[in-house]
Amino acid sequence: MVEQQIIEIGKKIRQLRRELNFSLRDLAEHSGTSASTIHKIESNSTVPSIAVLIKIAQALKKNVGYFIGEEEGGGQPIVHVRPKDREVLFVKESKLKVENIASTISDCQLEVTLLRVEKGGTSGEIPLTHSGEEIKFCLKGKMEYLIEGQTFILSHGDCLHFKSGLPHSWKNVGREGGGPVCLYAPSFPKSSNEETDPLNLS
């Protein structure tokens, strides 16, 4: 099941890239990711980190949930997902399990995921930066968020709301596994003429 999801990520990226008439180099420039990394993801030689997947998704004008979930909910305006049917992505390097709670309805503008982070899990050394905004609601354990130089500790019941364009990173600083519910509202550029840097990477 997990292996098939990894294969689907590569297939969807390649399909969208070709639909947009992007070469590997084009997508690399738009996403701030190397062409060789994108090639490895498309050929299933490597699993993208959350940071890389977010950048590629933004460049392809899709939610991250699109790559780990079903095809836009089959175009349905209402989608009912039971716990056993959630799409799950494992990111070994971050000690992270991502469960796609919502983002599969047609023309979806929100992405809601349940993050389960093992003890010591981290988003990595390079801060995440992308368009949109996020809400983190801590369900269990203790999470540390570093946002534009400011440190925030989230315990059970705490909530954090911030602009995704601010450099941010996270790690599990608790004594056990835990994690938040993450609600992400992407901000897609209306056209290439209106916004030349949709990923806010400059």
N, C-alpha and C. Protein backbone atom coordinates (compact mmCIF):
# COMPACT_ATOMS: atom_id res chain seq x y z
N MET A 1 0.83 -1.20 0.00
CA MET A 1 0.00 0.00 0.00
C MET A 1 0.87 1.25 0.00
N VAL A 2 1.83 1.32 0.93
CA VAL A 2 2.71 2.49 1.02
C VAL A 2 3.55 2.61 -0.24
N GLU A 3 4.08 1.47 -0.75
CA GLU A 3 4.90 1.49 -1.95
C GLU A 3 4.10 2.03 -3.14
N GLN A 4 2.82 1.65 -3.22
CA GLN A 4 1.98 2.11 -4.31
C GLN A 4 1.74 3.62 -4.23
N GLN A 5 1.58 4.13 -3.01
CA GLN A 5 1.37 5.57 -2.83
C GLN A 5 2.60 6.34 -3.28
N ILE A 6 3.78 5.80 -2.98
CA ILE A 6 5.03 6.45 -3.39
C ILE A 6 5.11 6.50 -4.91
N ILE A 7 4.73 5.40 -5.57
CA ILE A 7 4.73 5.35 -7.02
C ILE A 7 3.75 6.38 -7.59
N GLU A 8 2.57 6.49 -6.95
CA GLU A 8 1.56 7.42 -7.42
C GLU A 8 2.03 8.87 -7.34
N ILE A 9 2.82 9.20 -6.31
CA ILE A 9 3.35 10.57 -6.18
C ILE A 9 4.18 10.91 -7.41
N GLY A 10 5.09 10.02 -7.77
CA GLY A 10 5.94 10.25 -8.94
C GLY A 10 5.14 10.35 -10.23
N LYS A 11 4.15 9.48 -10.37
CA LYS A 11 3.31 9.48 -11.57
C LYS A 11 2.52 10.77 -11.70
N LYS A 12 1.96 11.25 -10.58
CA LYS A 12 1.15 12.46 -10.62
C LYS A 12 2.01 13.69 -10.94
N ILE A 13 3.20 13.74 -10.37
CA ILE A 13 4.09 14.87 -10.65
C ILE A 13 4.46 14.89 -12.12
N ARG A 14 4.83 13.74 -12.66
CA ARG A 14 5.20 13.67 -14.08
C ARG A 14 4.02 14.04 -14.98
N GLN A 15 2.82 13.54 -14.65
CA GLN A 15 1.64 13.84 -15.45
C GLN A 15 1.31 15.33 -15.45
N LEU A 16 1.32 15.95 -14.27
CA LEU A 16 1.02 17.38 -14.19
C LEU A 16 2.09 18.22 -14.88
N ARG A 17 3.33 17.81 -14.72
CA ARG A 17 4.43 18.55 -15.36
C ARG A 17 4.25 18.55 -16.87
N ARG A 18 3.89 17.41 -17.42
CA ARG A 18 3.71 17.31 -18.87
C ARG A 18 2.47 18.08 -19.34
N GLU A 19 1.41 18.07 -18.52
CA GLU A 19 0.20 18.83 -18.86
C GLU A 19 0.48 20.32 -18.94
N LEU A 20 1.41 20.78 -18.10
CA LEU A 20 1.79 22.19 -18.09
C LEU A 20 2.91 22.50 -19.08
N ASN A 21 3.33 21.46 -19.83
CA ASN A 21 4.44 21.59 -20.79
C ASN A 21 5.71 22.06 -20.12
N PHE A 22 5.93 21.57 -18.89
CA PHE A 22 7.15 21.88 -18.15
C PHE A 22 8.20 20.79 -18.42
N SER A 23 9.41 21.22 -18.69
CA SER A 23 10.52 20.28 -18.69
C SER A 23 10.96 20.08 -17.24
N LEU A 24 11.83 19.13 -17.00
CA LEU A 24 12.36 18.95 -15.65
C LEU A 24 13.01 20.23 -15.16
N ARG A 25 13.73 20.90 -16.06
CA ARG A 25 14.40 22.15 -15.69
C ARG A 25 13.39 23.25 -15.37
N ASP A 26 12.29 23.30 -16.13
CA ASP A 26 11.24 24.30 -15.87
C ASP A 26 10.66 24.12 -14.47
N LEU A 27 10.29 22.87 -14.14
CA LEU A 27 9.70 22.61 -12.83
C LEU A 27 10.71 22.87 -11.73
N ALA A 28 11.98 22.57 -11.99
CA ALA A 28 13.02 22.84 -11.00
C ALA A 28 13.11 24.33 -10.71
N GLU A 29 13.05 25.15 -11.75
CA GLU A 29 13.13 26.60 -11.57
C GLU A 29 11.92 27.14 -10.83
N HIS A 30 10.73 26.64 -11.13
CA HIS A 30 9.51 27.11 -10.49
C HIS A 30 9.39 26.65 -9.04
N SER A 31 9.98 25.51 -8.73
CA SER A 31 9.83 24.94 -7.40
C SER A 31 11.04 25.16 -6.49
N GLY A 32 12.15 25.62 -7.06
CA GLY A 32 13.35 25.77 -6.24
C GLY A 32 13.95 24.45 -5.84
N THR A 33 13.68 23.41 -6.65
CA THR A 33 14.19 22.06 -6.40
C THR A 33 15.03 21.65 -7.60
N SER A 34 16.05 20.86 -7.39
CA SER A 34 16.92 20.48 -8.49
C SER A 34 16.21 19.53 -9.46
N ALA A 35 16.58 19.62 -10.73
CA ALA A 35 15.99 18.76 -11.75
C ALA A 35 16.30 17.30 -11.47
N SER A 36 17.48 17.02 -10.95
CA SER A 36 17.86 15.63 -10.65
C SER A 36 16.98 15.05 -9.55
N THR A 37 16.63 15.87 -8.55
CA THR A 37 15.75 15.41 -7.48
C THR A 37 14.36 15.09 -8.02
N ILE A 38 13.84 15.96 -8.88
CA ILE A 38 12.52 15.74 -9.47
C ILE A 38 12.53 14.47 -10.31
N HIS A 39 13.59 14.26 -11.07
CA HIS A 39 13.71 13.05 -11.89
C HIS A 39 13.69 11.79 -11.01
N LYS A 40 14.39 11.83 -9.90
CA LYS A 40 14.43 10.68 -8.99
C LYS A 40 13.05 10.41 -8.39
N ILE A 41 12.32 11.49 -8.07
CA ILE A 41 10.97 11.33 -7.51
C ILE A 41 10.04 10.72 -8.55
N GLU A 42 10.11 11.23 -9.78
CA GLU A 42 9.25 10.72 -10.85
C GLU A 42 9.55 9.27 -11.19
N SER A 43 10.80 8.88 -11.05
CA SER A 43 11.19 7.50 -11.37
C SER A 43 11.14 6.59 -10.14
N ASN A 44 10.62 7.14 -9.02
CA ASN A 44 10.45 6.38 -7.77
C ASN A 44 11.78 5.90 -7.17
N SER A 45 12.84 6.66 -7.45
CA SER A 45 14.14 6.33 -6.87
C SER A 45 14.32 6.94 -5.50
N THR A 46 13.49 7.95 -5.19
CA THR A 46 13.57 8.59 -3.88
C THR A 46 12.18 9.07 -3.47
N VAL A 47 11.97 9.19 -2.16
CA VAL A 47 10.72 9.70 -1.62
C VAL A 47 10.92 11.17 -1.25
N PRO A 48 10.08 12.07 -1.74
CA PRO A 48 10.28 13.50 -1.44
C PRO A 48 10.02 13.82 0.02
N SER A 49 10.80 14.74 0.56
CA SER A 49 10.53 15.23 1.91
C SER A 49 9.29 16.11 1.84
N ILE A 50 8.73 16.43 3.01
CA ILE A 50 7.56 17.31 3.04
C ILE A 50 7.90 18.66 2.43
N ALA A 51 9.09 19.19 2.73
CA ALA A 51 9.49 20.50 2.21
C ALA A 51 9.53 20.49 0.68
N VAL A 52 10.12 19.45 0.11
CA VAL A 52 10.23 19.35 -1.35
C VAL A 52 8.86 19.15 -1.98
N LEU A 53 8.02 18.31 -1.36
CA LEU A 53 6.69 18.05 -1.92
C LEU A 53 5.83 19.32 -1.91
N ILE A 54 5.95 20.12 -0.86
CA ILE A 54 5.21 21.38 -0.79
C ILE A 54 5.63 22.30 -1.94
N LYS A 55 6.92 22.42 -2.18
CA LYS A 55 7.41 23.30 -3.24
C LYS A 55 6.95 22.84 -4.62
N ILE A 56 7.02 21.52 -4.85
CA ILE A 56 6.58 20.99 -6.14
C ILE A 56 5.08 21.17 -6.31
N ALA A 57 4.33 20.91 -5.24
CA ALA A 57 2.87 21.07 -5.30
C ALA A 57 2.49 22.51 -5.64
N GLN A 58 3.17 23.47 -5.00
CA GLN A 58 2.89 24.88 -5.27
C GLN A 58 3.19 25.22 -6.73
N ALA A 59 4.30 24.72 -7.24
CA ALA A 59 4.68 25.01 -8.63
C ALA A 59 3.67 24.42 -9.61
N LEU A 60 3.06 23.28 -9.23
CA LEU A 60 2.09 22.62 -10.10
C LEU A 60 0.65 23.04 -9.77
N LYS A 61 0.51 24.00 -8.83
CA LYS A 61 -0.79 24.56 -8.44
C LYS A 61 -1.73 23.50 -7.89
N LYS A 62 -1.20 22.67 -7.00
CA LYS A 62 -1.99 21.63 -6.36
C LYS A 62 -1.74 21.63 -4.86
N ASN A 63 -2.70 21.09 -4.10
CA ASN A 63 -2.48 20.85 -2.68
C ASN A 63 -1.57 19.65 -2.52
N VAL A 64 -0.84 19.60 -1.42
CA VAL A 64 -0.01 18.43 -1.12
C VAL A 64 -0.90 17.19 -1.03
N GLY A 65 -2.11 17.38 -0.47
CA GLY A 65 -3.03 16.26 -0.32
C GLY A 65 -3.37 15.58 -1.63
N TYR A 66 -3.30 16.30 -2.74
CA TYR A 66 -3.58 15.73 -4.05
C TYR A 66 -2.64 14.57 -4.35
N PHE A 67 -1.39 14.69 -3.89
CA PHE A 67 -0.39 13.69 -4.23
C PHE A 67 -0.45 12.45 -3.33
N ILE A 68 -1.09 12.59 -2.17
CA ILE A 68 -1.19 11.43 -1.28
C ILE A 68 -2.63 10.95 -1.13
N GLY A 69 -3.56 11.66 -1.81
CA GLY A 69 -4.97 11.29 -1.71
C GLY A 69 -5.51 10.83 -3.04
N GLU A 70 -6.81 10.81 -3.11
CA GLU A 70 -7.46 10.38 -4.32
C GLU A 70 -7.60 11.54 -5.29
N GLU A 71 -8.06 11.25 -6.48
CA GLU A 71 -8.15 12.24 -7.54
C GLU A 71 -9.24 13.26 -7.25
N GLU A 72 -8.93 14.28 -6.45
CA GLU A 72 -9.82 15.40 -6.21
C GLU A 72 -11.23 14.96 -5.80
N GLY A 73 -11.34 13.84 -5.07
CA GLY A 73 -12.63 13.37 -4.59
C GLY A 73 -13.57 12.98 -5.71
N GLY A 74 -12.99 12.66 -6.89
CA GLY A 74 -13.82 12.26 -8.01
C GLY A 74 -14.74 13.38 -8.48
N GLY A 75 -14.41 14.63 -8.15
CA GLY A 75 -15.23 15.76 -8.57
C GLY A 75 -16.45 15.97 -7.71
N GLN A 76 -16.50 15.32 -6.56
CA GLN A 76 -17.66 15.42 -5.69
C GLN A 76 -17.56 16.64 -4.76
N PRO A 77 -18.69 17.32 -4.49
CA PRO A 77 -18.67 18.47 -3.57
C PRO A 77 -18.67 18.07 -2.10
N ILE A 78 -18.98 16.80 -1.82
CA ILE A 78 -18.99 16.29 -0.44
C ILE A 78 -18.24 14.96 -0.42
N VAL A 79 -17.28 14.85 0.49
CA VAL A 79 -16.51 13.61 0.62
C VAL A 79 -16.49 13.19 2.08
N HIS A 80 -16.91 11.98 2.37
CA HIS A 80 -16.92 11.43 3.73
C HIS A 80 -15.79 10.40 3.83
N VAL A 81 -14.81 10.67 4.67
CA VAL A 81 -13.65 9.79 4.81
C VAL A 81 -13.60 9.21 6.21
N ARG A 82 -13.65 7.89 6.32
CA ARG A 82 -13.54 7.22 7.61
C ARG A 82 -12.07 6.99 7.94
N PRO A 83 -11.73 6.87 9.25
CA PRO A 83 -10.33 6.71 9.65
C PRO A 83 -9.58 5.61 8.89
N LYS A 84 -10.23 4.49 8.68
CA LYS A 84 -9.56 3.37 8.01
C LYS A 84 -9.30 3.64 6.53
N ASP A 85 -9.98 4.67 5.97
CA ASP A 85 -9.83 4.96 4.55
C ASP A 85 -8.90 6.13 4.26
N ARG A 86 -8.32 6.72 5.30
CA ARG A 86 -7.42 7.86 5.08
C ARG A 86 -6.18 7.44 4.30
N GLU A 87 -5.77 8.29 3.39
CA GLU A 87 -4.50 8.09 2.69
C GLU A 87 -3.38 8.48 3.63
N VAL A 88 -2.34 7.66 3.68
CA VAL A 88 -1.24 7.87 4.63
C VAL A 88 0.09 7.91 3.89
N LEU A 89 0.93 8.85 4.28
CA LEU A 89 2.27 8.96 3.73
C LEU A 89 3.28 8.92 4.87
N PHE A 90 4.31 8.08 4.75
CA PHE A 90 5.36 8.00 5.75
C PHE A 90 6.60 8.73 5.24
N VAL A 91 7.15 9.62 6.08
CA VAL A 91 8.38 10.33 5.75
C VAL A 91 9.43 9.88 6.77
N LYS A 92 10.21 8.89 6.38
CA LYS A 92 11.14 8.24 7.31
C LYS A 92 12.15 9.22 7.90
N GLU A 93 12.70 10.11 7.07
CA GLU A 93 13.76 11.00 7.53
C GLU A 93 13.28 11.99 8.59
N SER A 94 11.97 12.29 8.58
CA SER A 94 11.41 13.22 9.56
C SER A 94 10.70 12.50 10.70
N LYS A 95 10.68 11.16 10.68
CA LYS A 95 9.95 10.36 11.65
C LYS A 95 8.49 10.80 11.70
N LEU A 96 7.92 10.93 10.52
CA LEU A 96 6.61 11.55 10.38
C LEU A 96 5.65 10.66 9.61
N LYS A 97 4.40 10.59 10.10
CA LYS A 97 3.32 9.96 9.35
C LYS A 97 2.26 11.02 9.08
N VAL A 98 1.89 11.18 7.83
CA VAL A 98 0.91 12.19 7.42
C VAL A 98 -0.38 11.48 7.00
N GLU A 99 -1.48 11.80 7.68
CA GLU A 99 -2.78 11.25 7.32
C GLU A 99 -3.61 12.36 6.68
N ASN A 100 -4.07 12.11 5.47
CA ASN A 100 -4.85 13.09 4.75
C ASN A 100 -6.30 13.04 5.23
N ILE A 101 -6.70 14.02 6.04
CA ILE A 101 -8.06 14.06 6.59
C ILE A 101 -9.03 14.65 5.58
N ALA A 102 -8.63 15.75 4.94
CA ALA A 102 -9.50 16.41 3.98
C ALA A 102 -8.66 17.19 2.98
N SER A 103 -9.11 17.21 1.76
CA SER A 103 -8.51 17.99 0.67
C SER A 103 -8.87 17.36 -0.66
N THR A 104 -9.86 16.46 -0.65
CA THR A 104 -10.15 15.70 -1.86
C THR A 104 -11.44 16.10 -2.56
N ILE A 105 -12.15 17.13 -2.08
CA ILE A 105 -13.34 17.55 -2.80
C ILE A 105 -12.93 18.29 -4.07
N SER A 106 -13.86 18.46 -4.97
CA SER A 106 -13.55 19.15 -6.21
C SER A 106 -13.20 20.62 -5.93
N ASP A 107 -12.19 21.12 -6.65
CA ASP A 107 -11.74 22.51 -6.53
C ASP A 107 -11.44 22.87 -5.07
N CYS A 108 -10.73 21.98 -4.39
CA CYS A 108 -10.46 22.16 -2.96
C CYS A 108 -9.53 23.34 -2.70
N GLN A 109 -9.87 24.16 -1.70
CA GLN A 109 -9.07 25.32 -1.32
C GLN A 109 -8.41 25.15 0.04
N LEU A 110 -8.67 24.04 0.71
CA LEU A 110 -8.09 23.77 2.02
C LEU A 110 -7.43 22.40 2.03
N GLU A 111 -6.48 22.25 2.93
CA GLU A 111 -5.83 20.96 3.11
C GLU A 111 -5.72 20.71 4.61
N VAL A 112 -6.26 19.60 5.07
CA VAL A 112 -6.22 19.27 6.49
C VAL A 112 -5.56 17.91 6.66
N THR A 113 -4.49 17.87 7.42
CA THR A 113 -3.77 16.62 7.65
C THR A 113 -3.54 16.39 9.14
N LEU A 114 -3.42 15.13 9.50
CA LEU A 114 -3.07 14.75 10.86
C LEU A 114 -1.63 14.29 10.83
N LEU A 115 -0.78 15.00 11.57
CA LEU A 115 0.65 14.68 11.60
C LEU A 115 0.97 13.90 12.86
N ARG A 116 1.58 12.76 12.70
CA ARG A 116 2.03 11.96 13.85
C ARG A 116 3.55 11.91 13.81
N VAL A 117 4.17 12.58 14.76
CA VAL A 117 5.62 12.74 14.76
C VAL A 117 6.23 11.91 15.89
N GLU A 118 7.14 11.02 15.55
CA GLU A 118 7.81 10.22 16.57
C GLU A 118 8.75 11.10 17.40
N LYS A 119 9.12 10.61 18.57
CA LYS A 119 10.04 11.34 19.44
C LYS A 119 11.31 11.69 18.68
N GLY A 120 11.68 12.97 18.71
CA GLY A 120 12.89 13.43 18.01
C GLY A 120 12.67 13.78 16.56
N GLY A 121 11.46 13.59 16.05
CA GLY A 121 11.17 13.90 14.66
C GLY A 121 11.29 15.39 14.37
N THR A 122 11.75 15.74 13.18
CA THR A 122 11.96 17.14 12.83
C THR A 122 11.70 17.37 11.35
N SER A 123 11.38 18.61 11.00
CA SER A 123 11.14 18.96 9.60
C SER A 123 12.45 19.08 8.81
N GLY A 124 13.58 19.12 9.51
CA GLY A 124 14.87 19.22 8.83
C GLY A 124 15.59 20.52 9.13
N GLU A 125 16.81 20.63 8.62
CA GLU A 125 17.64 21.79 8.89
C GLU A 125 17.21 23.03 8.11
N ILE A 126 16.64 22.83 6.92
CA ILE A 126 16.25 23.96 6.08
C ILE A 126 14.81 24.35 6.38
N PRO A 127 14.56 25.60 6.78
CA PRO A 127 13.19 26.05 7.07
C PRO A 127 12.28 25.93 5.86
N LEU A 128 11.00 25.69 6.12
CA LEU A 128 10.00 25.62 5.06
C LEU A 128 9.52 27.03 4.73
N THR A 129 9.30 27.31 3.46
CA THR A 129 8.78 28.60 3.03
C THR A 129 7.92 28.39 1.80
N HIS A 130 6.66 28.78 1.88
CA HIS A 130 5.76 28.63 0.74
C HIS A 130 4.57 29.57 0.93
N SER A 131 3.72 29.69 -0.07
CA SER A 131 2.60 30.61 0.02
C SER A 131 1.46 30.00 0.83
N GLY A 132 0.51 30.86 1.25
CA GLY A 132 -0.64 30.38 2.01
C GLY A 132 -0.53 30.68 3.49
N GLU A 133 -1.36 30.00 4.28
CA GLU A 133 -1.32 30.13 5.72
C GLU A 133 -1.66 28.79 6.37
N GLU A 134 -1.27 28.64 7.64
CA GLU A 134 -1.43 27.36 8.33
C GLU A 134 -1.98 27.54 9.74
N ILE A 135 -2.69 26.53 10.20
CA ILE A 135 -3.13 26.44 11.58
C ILE A 135 -2.66 25.10 12.12
N LYS A 136 -1.97 25.10 13.24
CA LYS A 136 -1.51 23.88 13.90
C LYS A 136 -2.24 23.75 15.23
N PHE A 137 -2.92 22.65 15.42
CA PHE A 137 -3.62 22.38 16.68
C PHE A 137 -3.03 21.11 17.27
N CYS A 138 -2.38 21.24 18.42
CA CYS A 138 -1.66 20.12 19.02
C CYS A 138 -2.62 19.17 19.75
N LEU A 139 -2.64 17.94 19.32
CA LEU A 139 -3.51 16.93 19.92
C LEU A 139 -2.83 16.15 21.03
N LYS A 140 -1.51 16.01 20.93
CA LYS A 140 -0.79 15.15 21.86
C LYS A 140 0.68 15.53 21.90
N GLY A 141 1.31 15.34 23.05
CA GLY A 141 2.74 15.56 23.17
C GLY A 141 3.13 17.03 23.22
N LYS A 142 4.35 17.31 22.78
CA LYS A 142 4.87 18.68 22.81
C LYS A 142 5.66 18.94 21.54
N MET A 143 5.24 19.95 20.79
CA MET A 143 5.88 20.30 19.53
C MET A 143 6.50 21.69 19.63
N GLU A 144 7.66 21.84 19.03
CA GLU A 144 8.32 23.14 18.97
C GLU A 144 8.29 23.66 17.54
N TYR A 145 7.82 24.89 17.39
CA TYR A 145 7.81 25.55 16.08
C TYR A 145 8.71 26.77 16.13
N LEU A 146 9.58 26.87 15.15
CA LEU A 146 10.46 28.04 15.01
C LEU A 146 9.98 28.80 13.78
N ILE A 147 9.44 30.00 14.00
CA ILE A 147 8.86 30.79 12.91
C ILE A 147 9.54 32.15 12.87
N GLU A 148 10.28 32.38 11.82
CA GLU A 148 11.01 33.65 11.62
C GLU A 148 11.78 34.04 12.88
N GLY A 149 12.50 33.08 13.45
CA GLY A 149 13.35 33.35 14.60
C GLY A 149 12.65 33.27 15.95
N GLN A 150 11.33 33.13 15.96
CA GLN A 150 10.58 33.04 17.22
C GLN A 150 10.23 31.58 17.52
N THR A 151 10.38 31.19 18.77
CA THR A 151 10.11 29.82 19.18
C THR A 151 8.75 29.72 19.89
N PHE A 152 7.96 28.74 19.48
CA PHE A 152 6.65 28.50 20.08
C PHE A 152 6.56 27.03 20.48
N ILE A 153 6.20 26.78 21.72
CA ILE A 153 6.02 25.42 22.22
C ILE A 153 4.53 25.12 22.29
N LEU A 154 4.11 24.07 21.61
CA LEU A 154 2.70 23.68 21.60
C LEU A 154 2.52 22.40 22.42
N SER A 155 1.64 22.46 23.41
CA SER A 155 1.23 21.30 24.17
C SER A 155 -0.22 20.99 23.85
N HIS A 156 -0.75 19.94 24.45
CA HIS A 156 -2.12 19.51 24.17
C HIS A 156 -3.12 20.68 24.26
N GLY A 157 -3.84 20.91 23.18
CA GLY A 157 -4.85 21.96 23.14
C GLY A 157 -4.37 23.30 22.62
N ASP A 158 -3.05 23.48 22.47
CA ASP A 158 -2.52 24.75 21.98
C ASP A 158 -2.70 24.86 20.47
N CYS A 159 -2.82 26.10 20.00
CA CYS A 159 -3.03 26.36 18.57
C CYS A 159 -2.08 27.44 18.08
N LEU A 160 -1.63 27.31 16.86
CA LEU A 160 -0.72 28.27 16.25
C LEU A 160 -1.21 28.57 14.84
N HIS A 161 -1.30 29.87 14.50
CA HIS A 161 -1.79 30.30 13.19
C HIS A 161 -0.75 31.25 12.61
N PHE A 162 -0.26 30.98 11.40
CA PHE A 162 0.78 31.83 10.84
C PHE A 162 0.77 31.79 9.32
N LYS A 163 1.41 32.80 8.73
CA LYS A 163 1.57 32.88 7.29
C LYS A 163 2.69 31.92 6.86
N SER A 164 2.40 31.09 5.87
CA SER A 164 3.37 30.08 5.45
C SER A 164 4.59 30.67 4.76
N GLY A 165 4.50 31.94 4.35
CA GLY A 165 5.64 32.59 3.72
C GLY A 165 6.76 32.92 4.70
N LEU A 166 6.46 32.84 6.00
CA LEU A 166 7.50 33.05 7.01
C LEU A 166 8.32 31.77 7.15
N PRO A 167 9.65 31.86 7.18
CA PRO A 167 10.47 30.66 7.35
C PRO A 167 10.08 29.94 8.63
N HIS A 168 9.76 28.65 8.52
CA HIS A 168 9.31 27.92 9.69
C HIS A 168 9.81 26.47 9.68
N SER A 169 9.93 25.93 10.86
CA SER A 169 10.35 24.54 11.02
C SER A 169 9.72 24.00 12.29
N TRP A 170 9.77 22.67 12.47
CA TRP A 170 9.16 22.07 13.66
C TRP A 170 9.96 20.85 14.11
N LYS A 171 9.76 20.48 15.36
CA LYS A 171 10.33 19.24 15.87
C LYS A 171 9.56 18.80 17.11
N ASN A 172 9.56 17.51 17.34
CA ASN A 172 8.91 16.94 18.52
C ASN A 172 9.91 17.01 19.68
N VAL A 173 9.60 17.83 20.67
CA VAL A 173 10.51 17.99 21.82
C VAL A 173 9.95 17.30 23.05
N GLY A 174 8.89 16.52 22.88
CA GLY A 174 8.29 15.82 24.00
C GLY A 174 8.98 14.50 24.30
N ARG A 175 8.47 13.80 25.29
CA ARG A 175 9.04 12.52 25.70
C ARG A 175 8.41 11.34 24.98
N GLU A 176 7.44 11.64 24.13
CA GLU A 176 6.75 10.58 23.40
C GLU A 176 6.33 11.10 22.03
N GLY A 177 5.78 10.20 21.23
CA GLY A 177 5.28 10.61 19.93
C GLY A 177 4.06 11.50 20.10
N GLY A 178 3.85 12.35 19.16
CA GLY A 178 2.70 13.25 19.22
C GLY A 178 2.52 13.94 17.90
N GLY A 179 1.78 15.01 17.91
CA GLY A 179 1.64 15.76 16.68
C GLY A 179 0.36 16.55 16.62
N PRO A 180 0.30 17.47 15.66
CA PRO A 180 -0.86 18.35 15.52
C PRO A 180 -1.76 17.95 14.36
N VAL A 181 -2.95 18.53 14.37
CA VAL A 181 -3.76 18.58 13.16
C VAL A 181 -3.30 19.84 12.42
N CYS A 182 -3.01 19.70 11.16
CA CYS A 182 -2.52 20.84 10.37
C CYS A 182 -3.56 21.23 9.33
N LEU A 183 -4.02 22.47 9.39
CA LEU A 183 -4.93 23.00 8.39
C LEU A 183 -4.14 24.00 7.55
N TYR A 184 -4.06 23.75 6.27
CA TYR A 184 -3.26 24.58 5.37
C TYR A 184 -4.14 25.14 4.26
N ALA A 185 -4.11 26.43 4.09
CA ALA A 185 -4.85 27.10 3.02
C ALA A 185 -3.84 27.64 2.02
N PRO A 186 -3.68 26.97 0.89
CA PRO A 186 -2.70 27.44 -0.10
C PRO A 186 -3.15 28.71 -0.79
N SER A 187 -2.20 29.40 -1.34
CA SER A 187 -2.50 30.63 -2.08
C SER A 187 -1.86 30.48 -3.45
N PHE A 188 -2.67 30.18 -4.45
CA PHE A 188 -2.16 29.98 -5.78
C PHE A 188 -2.14 31.28 -6.56
N PRO A 189 -1.13 31.51 -7.38
CA PRO A 189 -1.10 32.72 -8.20
C PRO A 189 -2.21 32.70 -9.23
N LYS A 190 -2.83 33.87 -9.49
CA LYS A 190 -3.91 33.95 -10.46
C LYS A 190 -3.39 33.79 -11.88
N SER A 191 -2.20 34.28 -12.12
CA SER A 191 -1.59 34.10 -13.44
C SER A 191 -0.11 34.35 -13.31
N SER A 192 0.64 33.88 -14.29
CA SER A 192 2.09 34.07 -14.24
C SER A 192 2.46 35.54 -14.38
N ASN A 193 1.58 36.35 -14.95
CA ASN A 193 1.88 37.78 -15.13
C ASN A 193 1.68 38.56 -13.85
N GLU A 194 0.80 38.07 -12.96
CA GLU A 194 0.46 38.80 -11.75
C GLU A 194 1.43 38.53 -10.61
N GLU A 195 2.07 37.37 -10.66
CA GLU A 195 2.98 37.03 -9.56
C GLU A 195 4.12 36.21 -10.10
N THR A 196 5.31 36.75 -10.09
CA THR A 196 6.45 36.07 -10.68
C THR A 196 7.14 35.14 -9.72
N ASP A 197 6.85 35.24 -8.44
CA ASP A 197 7.51 34.39 -7.44
C ASP A 197 6.46 33.80 -6.51
N PRO A 198 5.61 32.86 -6.99
CA PRO A 198 4.50 32.34 -6.19
C PRO A 198 4.94 31.58 -4.97
N LEU A 199 6.17 31.09 -4.95
CA LEU A 199 6.63 30.31 -3.80
C LEU A 199 7.28 31.17 -2.73
N ASN A 200 7.40 32.47 -3.01
CA ASN A 200 8.01 33.37 -2.05
C ASN A 200 9.38 32.87 -1.61
N LEU A 201 10.18 32.43 -2.63
CA LEU A 201 11.49 31.86 -2.32
C LEU A 201 12.61 32.89 -2.40
N SER A 202 12.29 34.10 -2.83
CA SER A 202 13.34 35.11 -2.97
C SER A 202 13.69 35.71 -1.62
